[in-house]
Amino acid sequence: MEKFEVQGKIIHKTCFKCCKCNSPLSMVTFTMGGGKLYCNSHYKQLFTEKGNYDSILSGSGAAPVQ
């Protein structure tokens, strides 16, 4: 089974999906925070709901991946 490392975690390619919508992710189209993977659309939705990155980065959402 194909797997790779993302921010220190080993992830199987088939498990590399958004935790909200289950859409497949790529190394360019994801964010990760609190141990969860998000597609860019759902990360933006979290930002819209919270109004700032500080509340997202405090553990309730995703952090942008460099």
PDB file of N, CA and C in Angstrom:
ATOM      1  N   MET A   1       0.850  -1.174   0.000  1.00  0.00           N
ATOM      2  CA  MET A   1       0.000   0.000   0.000  1.00  0.00           C
ATOM      3  C   MET A   1       0.897   1.239   0.000  1.00  0.00           C
ATOM      4  N   GLU A   2       0.561   2.165  -0.855  1.00  0.00           N
ATOM      5  CA  GLU A   2       1.347   3.392  -0.953  1.00  0.00           C
ATOM      6  C   GLU A   2       1.061   4.306   0.240  1.00  0.00           C
ATOM      7  N   LYS A   3       2.141   4.847   0.823  1.00  0.00           N
ATOM      8  CA  LYS A   3       1.984   5.751   1.957  1.00  0.00           C
ATOM      9  C   LYS A   3       3.080   6.813   1.877  1.00  0.00           C
ATOM     10  N   PHE A   4       2.864   7.908   2.601  1.00  0.00           N
ATOM     11  CA  PHE A   4       3.824   9.001   2.614  1.00  0.00           C
ATOM     12  C   PHE A   4       3.729   9.732   3.936  1.00  0.00           C
ATOM     13  N   GLU A   5       4.694  10.621   4.175  1.00  0.00           N
ATOM     14  CA  GLU A   5       4.747  11.354   5.438  1.00  0.00           C
ATOM     15  C   GLU A   5       4.255  12.783   5.233  1.00  0.00           C
ATOM     16  N   VAL A   6       3.344  13.212   6.116  1.00  0.00           N
ATOM     17  CA  VAL A   6       2.809  14.574   6.103  1.00  0.00           C
ATOM     18  C   VAL A   6       2.941  15.125   7.518  1.00  0.00           C
ATOM     19  N   GLN A   7       3.748  16.138   7.679  1.00  0.00           N
ATOM     20  CA  GLN A   7       3.981  16.770   8.979  1.00  0.00           C
ATOM     21  C   GLN A   7       4.252  15.744  10.076  1.00  0.00           C
ATOM     22  N   GLY A   8       5.124  14.789   9.775  1.00  0.00           N
ATOM     23  CA  GLY A   8       5.530  13.807  10.771  1.00  0.00           C
ATOM     24  C   GLY A   8       4.588  12.630  10.952  1.00  0.00           C
ATOM     25  N   LYS A   9       3.504  12.579  10.210  1.00  0.00           N
ATOM     26  CA  LYS A   9       2.557  11.463  10.303  1.00  0.00           C
ATOM     27  C   LYS A   9       2.624  10.639   9.029  1.00  0.00           C
ATOM     28  N   ILE A  10       2.589   9.324   9.164  1.00  0.00           N
ATOM     29  CA  ILE A  10       2.526   8.431   8.012  1.00  0.00           C
ATOM     30  C   ILE A  10       1.052   8.272   7.627  1.00  0.00           C
ATOM     31  N   ILE A  11       0.747   8.551   6.360  1.00  0.00           N
ATOM     32  CA  ILE A  11      -0.640   8.491   5.884  1.00  0.00           C
ATOM     33  C   ILE A  11      -0.701   7.625   4.630  1.00  0.00           C
ATOM     34  N   HIS A  12      -1.616   6.673   4.613  1.00  0.00           N
ATOM     35  CA  HIS A  12      -1.848   5.878   3.408  1.00  0.00           C
ATOM     36  C   HIS A  12      -2.508   6.759   2.360  1.00  0.00           C
ATOM     37  N   LYS A  13      -2.158   6.544   1.121  1.00  0.00           N
ATOM     38  CA  LYS A  13      -2.719   7.355   0.035  1.00  0.00           C
ATOM     39  C   LYS A  13      -4.249   7.286   0.033  1.00  0.00           C
ATOM     40  N   THR A  14      -4.810   6.126   0.310  1.00  0.00           N
ATOM     41  CA  THR A  14      -6.267   5.980   0.301  1.00  0.00           C
ATOM     42  C   THR A  14      -6.938   6.681   1.484  1.00  0.00           C
ATOM     43  N   CYS A  15      -6.167   7.013   2.518  1.00  0.00           N
ATOM     44  CA  CYS A  15      -6.707   7.702   3.697  1.00  0.00           C
ATOM     45  C   CYS A  15      -6.506   9.217   3.629  1.00  0.00           C
ATOM     46  N   PHE A  16      -5.838   9.698   2.601  1.00  0.00           N
ATOM     47  CA  PHE A  16      -5.512  11.118   2.458  1.00  0.00           C
ATOM     48  C   PHE A  16      -6.733  11.837   1.897  1.00  0.00           C
ATOM     49  N   LYS A  17      -7.737  12.055   2.763  1.00  0.00           N
ATOM     50  CA  LYS A  17      -9.025  12.636   2.385  1.00  0.00           C
ATOM     51  C   LYS A  17      -9.423  13.708   3.383  1.00  0.00           C
ATOM     52  N   CYS A  18     -10.253  14.630   2.947  1.00  0.00           N
ATOM     53  CA  CYS A  18     -10.785  15.677   3.820  1.00  0.00           C
ATOM     54  C   CYS A  18     -11.677  15.037   4.887  1.00  0.00           C
ATOM     55  N   CYS A  19     -11.513  15.477   6.134  1.00  0.00           N
ATOM     56  CA  CYS A  19     -12.319  14.907   7.226  1.00  0.00           C
ATOM     57  C   CYS A  19     -13.769  15.384   7.177  1.00  0.00           C
ATOM     58  N   LYS A  20     -14.060  16.413   6.401  1.00  0.00           N
ATOM     59  CA  LYS A  20     -15.432  16.916   6.292  1.00  0.00           C
ATOM     60  C   LYS A  20     -16.197  16.298   5.125  1.00  0.00           C
ATOM     61  N   CYS A  21     -15.549  16.219   3.941  1.00  0.00           N
ATOM     62  CA  CYS A  21     -16.278  15.788   2.742  1.00  0.00           C
ATOM     63  C   CYS A  21     -15.731  14.504   2.110  1.00  0.00           C
ATOM     64  N   ASN A  22     -14.649  13.961   2.668  1.00  0.00           N
ATOM     65  CA  ASN A  22     -14.032  12.733   2.159  1.00  0.00           C
ATOM     66  C   ASN A  22     -13.477  12.846   0.745  1.00  0.00           C
ATOM     67  N   SER A  23     -13.284  14.055   0.242  1.00  0.00           N
ATOM     68  CA  SER A  23     -12.701  14.185  -1.091  1.00  0.00           C
ATOM     69  C   SER A  23     -11.210  13.874  -1.018  1.00  0.00           C
ATOM     70  N   PRO A  24     -10.670  13.220  -2.054  1.00  0.00           N
ATOM     71  CA  PRO A  24      -9.237  12.915  -2.074  1.00  0.00           C
ATOM     72  C   PRO A  24      -8.421  14.202  -2.083  1.00  0.00           C
ATOM     73  N   LEU A  25      -7.296  14.185  -1.371  1.00  0.00           N
ATOM     74  CA  LEU A  25      -6.434  15.361  -1.284  1.00  0.00           C
ATOM     75  C   LEU A  25      -5.134  15.114  -2.021  1.00  0.00           C
ATOM     76  N   SER A  26      -4.448  16.207  -2.348  1.00  0.00           N
ATOM     77  CA  SER A  26      -3.096  16.123  -2.892  1.00  0.00           C
ATOM     78  C   SER A  26      -2.196  16.969  -2.006  1.00  0.00           C
ATOM     79  N   MET A  27      -0.906  16.906  -2.247  1.00  0.00           N
ATOM     80  CA  MET A  27       0.043  17.673  -1.442  1.00  0.00           C
ATOM     81  C   MET A  27      -0.158  19.177  -1.611  1.00  0.00           C
ATOM     82  N   VAL A  28      -0.869  19.593  -2.632  1.00  0.00           N
ATOM     83  CA  VAL A  28      -1.113  21.016  -2.899  1.00  0.00           C
ATOM     84  C   VAL A  28      -2.479  21.470  -2.386  1.00  0.00           C
ATOM     85  N   THR A  29      -3.410  20.551  -2.220  1.00  0.00           N
ATOM     86  CA  THR A  29      -4.794  20.938  -1.941  1.00  0.00           C
ATOM     87  C   THR A  29      -5.273  20.606  -0.534  1.00  0.00           C
ATOM     88  N   PHE A  30      -4.385  20.597   0.456  1.00  0.00           N
ATOM     89  CA  PHE A  30      -4.844  20.255   1.787  1.00  0.00           C
ATOM     90  C   PHE A  30      -4.277  21.201   2.842  1.00  0.00           C
ATOM     91  N   THR A  31      -4.937  21.223   3.988  1.00  0.00           N
ATOM     92  CA  THR A  31      -4.439  21.869   5.192  1.00  0.00           C
ATOM     93  C   THR A  31      -4.600  20.854   6.320  1.00  0.00           C
ATOM     94  N   MET A  32      -3.809  21.019   7.365  1.00  0.00           N
ATOM     95  CA  MET A  32      -3.854  20.055   8.467  1.00  0.00           C
ATOM     96  C   MET A  32      -3.737  20.795   9.784  1.00  0.00           C
ATOM     97  N   GLY A  33      -4.555  20.410  10.735  1.00  0.00           N
ATOM     98  CA  GLY A  33      -4.488  20.998  12.061  1.00  0.00           C
ATOM     99  C   GLY A  33      -5.222  20.131  13.052  1.00  0.00           C
ATOM    100  N   GLY A  34      -4.741  20.088  14.259  1.00  0.00           N
ATOM    101  CA  GLY A  34      -5.372  19.252  15.268  1.00  0.00           C
ATOM    102  C   GLY A  34      -5.388  17.794  14.876  1.00  0.00           C
ATOM    103  N   GLY A  35      -4.436  17.399  14.014  1.00  0.00           N
ATOM    104  CA  GLY A  35      -4.372  16.013  13.565  1.00  0.00           C
ATOM    105  C   GLY A  35      -5.385  15.657  12.492  1.00  0.00           C
ATOM    106  N   LYS A  36      -6.114  16.643  11.979  1.00  0.00           N
ATOM    107  CA  LYS A  36      -7.141  16.394  10.967  1.00  0.00           C
ATOM    108  C   LYS A  36      -6.732  16.987   9.629  1.00  0.00           C
ATOM    109  N   LEU A  37      -7.165  16.336   8.557  1.00  0.00           N
ATOM    110  CA  LEU A  37      -6.908  16.800   7.198  1.00  0.00           C
ATOM    111  C   LEU A  37      -8.155  17.489   6.657  1.00  0.00           C
ATOM    112  N   TYR A  38      -7.945  18.608   5.954  1.00  0.00           N
ATOM    113  CA  TYR A  38      -9.039  19.364   5.359  1.00  0.00           C
ATOM    114  C   TYR A  38      -8.709  19.724   3.921  1.00  0.00           C
ATOM    115  N   CYS A  39      -9.717  19.750   3.054  1.00  0.00           N
ATOM    116  CA  CYS A  39      -9.531  20.329   1.732  1.00  0.00           C
ATOM    117  C   CYS A  39      -9.495  21.848   1.897  1.00  0.00           C
ATOM    118  N   ASN A  40      -8.972  22.544   0.910  1.00  0.00           N
ATOM    119  CA  ASN A  40      -8.869  23.999   1.013  1.00  0.00           C
ATOM    120  C   ASN A  40     -10.235  24.658   1.196  1.00  0.00           C
ATOM    121  N   SER A  41     -11.258  24.124   0.557  1.00  0.00           N
ATOM    122  CA  SER A  41     -12.606  24.702   0.673  1.00  0.00           C
ATOM    123  C   SER A  41     -13.105  24.649   2.114  1.00  0.00           C
ATOM    124  N   HIS A  42     -12.918  23.520   2.780  1.00  0.00           N
ATOM    125  CA  HIS A  42     -13.394  23.409   4.157  1.00  0.00           C
ATOM    126  C   HIS A  42     -12.527  24.196   5.128  1.00  0.00           C
ATOM    127  N   TYR A  43     -11.255  24.367   4.826  1.00  0.00           N
ATOM    128  CA  TYR A  43     -10.424  25.231   5.660  1.00  0.00           C
ATOM    129  C   TYR A  43     -10.921  26.672   5.564  1.00  0.00           C
ATOM    130  N   LYS A  44     -11.229  27.115   4.337  1.00  0.00           N
ATOM    131  CA  LYS A  44     -11.761  28.470   4.156  1.00  0.00           C
ATOM    132  C   LYS A  44     -13.095  28.627   4.870  1.00  0.00           C
ATOM    133  N   GLN A  45     -13.909  27.580   4.857  1.00  0.00           N
ATOM    134  CA  GLN A  45     -15.193  27.616   5.562  1.00  0.00           C
ATOM    135  C   GLN A  45     -14.964  27.770   7.073  1.00  0.00           C
ATOM    136  N   LEU A  46     -13.988  27.072   7.631  1.00  0.00           N
ATOM    137  CA  LEU A  46     -13.666  27.216   9.054  1.00  0.00           C
ATOM    138  C   LEU A  46     -13.244  28.645   9.370  1.00  0.00           C
ATOM    139  N   PHE A  47     -12.435  29.228   8.485  1.00  0.00           N
ATOM    140  CA  PHE A  47     -11.997  30.610   8.692  1.00  0.00           C
ATOM    141  C   PHE A  47     -13.198  31.549   8.682  1.00  0.00           C
ATOM    142  N   THR A  48     -14.106  31.357   7.748  1.00  0.00           N
ATOM    143  CA  THR A  48     -15.299  32.199   7.652  1.00  0.00           C
ATOM    144  C   THR A  48     -16.145  32.084   8.916  1.00  0.00           C
ATOM    145  N   GLU A  49     -16.301  30.866   9.426  1.00  0.00           N
ATOM    146  CA  GLU A  49     -17.103  30.658  10.639  1.00  0.00           C
ATOM    147  C   GLU A  49     -16.446  31.271  11.868  1.00  0.00           C
ATOM    148  N   LYS A  50     -15.118  31.146  11.980  1.00  0.00           N
ATOM    149  CA  LYS A  50     -14.402  31.612  13.170  1.00  0.00           C
ATOM    150  C   LYS A  50     -14.001  33.077  13.076  1.00  0.00           C
ATOM    151  N   GLY A  51     -13.774  33.577  11.862  1.00  0.00           N
ATOM    152  CA  GLY A  51     -13.440  34.980  11.671  1.00  0.00           C
ATOM    153  C   GLY A  51     -11.971  35.325  11.768  1.00  0.00           C
ATOM    154  N   ASN A  52     -11.133  34.380  12.226  1.00  0.00           N
ATOM    155  CA  ASN A  52      -9.695  34.623  12.262  1.00  0.00           C
ATOM    156  C   ASN A  52      -8.946  33.297  12.359  1.00  0.00           C
ATOM    157  N   TYR A  53      -7.654  33.341  12.057  1.00  0.00           N
ATOM    158  CA  TYR A  53      -6.845  32.134  12.102  1.00  0.00           C
ATOM    159  C   TYR A  53      -6.509  31.709  13.521  1.00  0.00           C
ATOM    160  N   ASP A  54      -6.467  32.648  14.470  1.00  0.00           N
ATOM    161  CA  ASP A  54      -6.096  32.310  15.841  1.00  0.00           C
ATOM    162  C   ASP A  54      -7.019  31.254  16.435  1.00  0.00           C
ATOM    163  N   SER A  55      -8.310  31.387  16.234  1.00  0.00           N
ATOM    164  CA  SER A  55      -9.243  30.411  16.797  1.00  0.00           C
ATOM    165  C   SER A  55      -9.137  29.067  16.089  1.00  0.00           C
ATOM    166  N   ILE A  56      -8.774  29.074  14.812  1.00  0.00           N
ATOM    167  CA  ILE A  56      -8.600  27.821  14.073  1.00  0.00           C
ATOM    168  C   ILE A  56      -7.328  27.133  14.537  1.00  0.00           C
ATOM    169  N   LEU A  57      -6.254  27.886  14.705  1.00  0.00           N
ATOM    170  CA  LEU A  57      -4.964  27.309  15.080  1.00  0.00           C
ATOM    171  C   LEU A  57      -4.928  26.840  16.522  1.00  0.00           C
ATOM    172  N   SER A  58      -5.879  27.266  17.327  1.00  0.00           N
ATOM    173  CA  SER A  58      -5.877  26.874  18.746  1.00  0.00           C
ATOM    174  C   SER A  58      -6.338  25.438  18.974  1.00  0.00           C
ATOM    175  N   GLY A  59      -6.578  24.694  17.894  1.00  0.00           N
ATOM    176  CA  GLY A  59      -6.911  23.285  18.052  1.00  0.00           C
ATOM    177  C   GLY A  59      -8.280  22.901  17.561  1.00  0.00           C
ATOM    178  N   SER A  60      -9.104  23.872  17.198  1.00  0.00           N
ATOM    179  CA  SER A  60     -10.451  23.534  16.752  1.00  0.00           C
ATOM    180  C   SER A  60     -10.566  23.448  15.247  1.00  0.00           C
ATOM    181  N   GLY A  61      -9.451  23.651  14.529  1.00  0.00           N
ATOM    182  CA  GLY A  61      -9.524  23.611  13.084  1.00  0.00           C
ATOM    183  C   GLY A  61      -8.195  23.262  12.461  1.00  0.00           C
ATOM    184  N   ALA A  62      -7.933  23.837  11.304  1.00  0.00           N
ATOM    185  CA  ALA A  62      -6.762  23.462  10.518  1.00  0.00           C
ATOM    186  C   ALA A  62      -5.728  24.562  10.480  1.00  0.00           C
ATOM    187  N   ALA A  63      -4.504  24.157  10.301  1.00  0.00           N
ATOM    188  CA  ALA A  63      -3.411  25.104  10.125  1.00  0.00           C
ATOM    189  C   ALA A  63      -2.931  25.017   8.684  1.00  0.00           C
ATOM    190  N   PRO A  64      -2.582  26.116   8.057  1.00  0.00           N
ATOM    191  CA  PRO A  64      -2.111  26.031   6.674  1.00  0.00           C
ATOM    192  C   PRO A  64      -0.805  25.269   6.585  1.00  0.00           C
ATOM    193  N   VAL A  65      -0.680  24.473   5.551  1.00  0.00           N
ATOM    194  CA  VAL A  65       0.525  23.701   5.323  1.00  0.00           C
ATOM    195  C   VAL A  65       1.410  24.482   4.379  1.00  0.00           C
ATOM    196  N   GLN A  66       2.672  24.622   4.702  1.00  0.00           N
ATOM    197  CA  GLN A  66       3.631  25.338   3.856  1.00  0.00           C
ATOM    198  C   GLN A  66       4.135  24.437   2.762  1.00  0.00           C
TER     199      GLN A  66
END
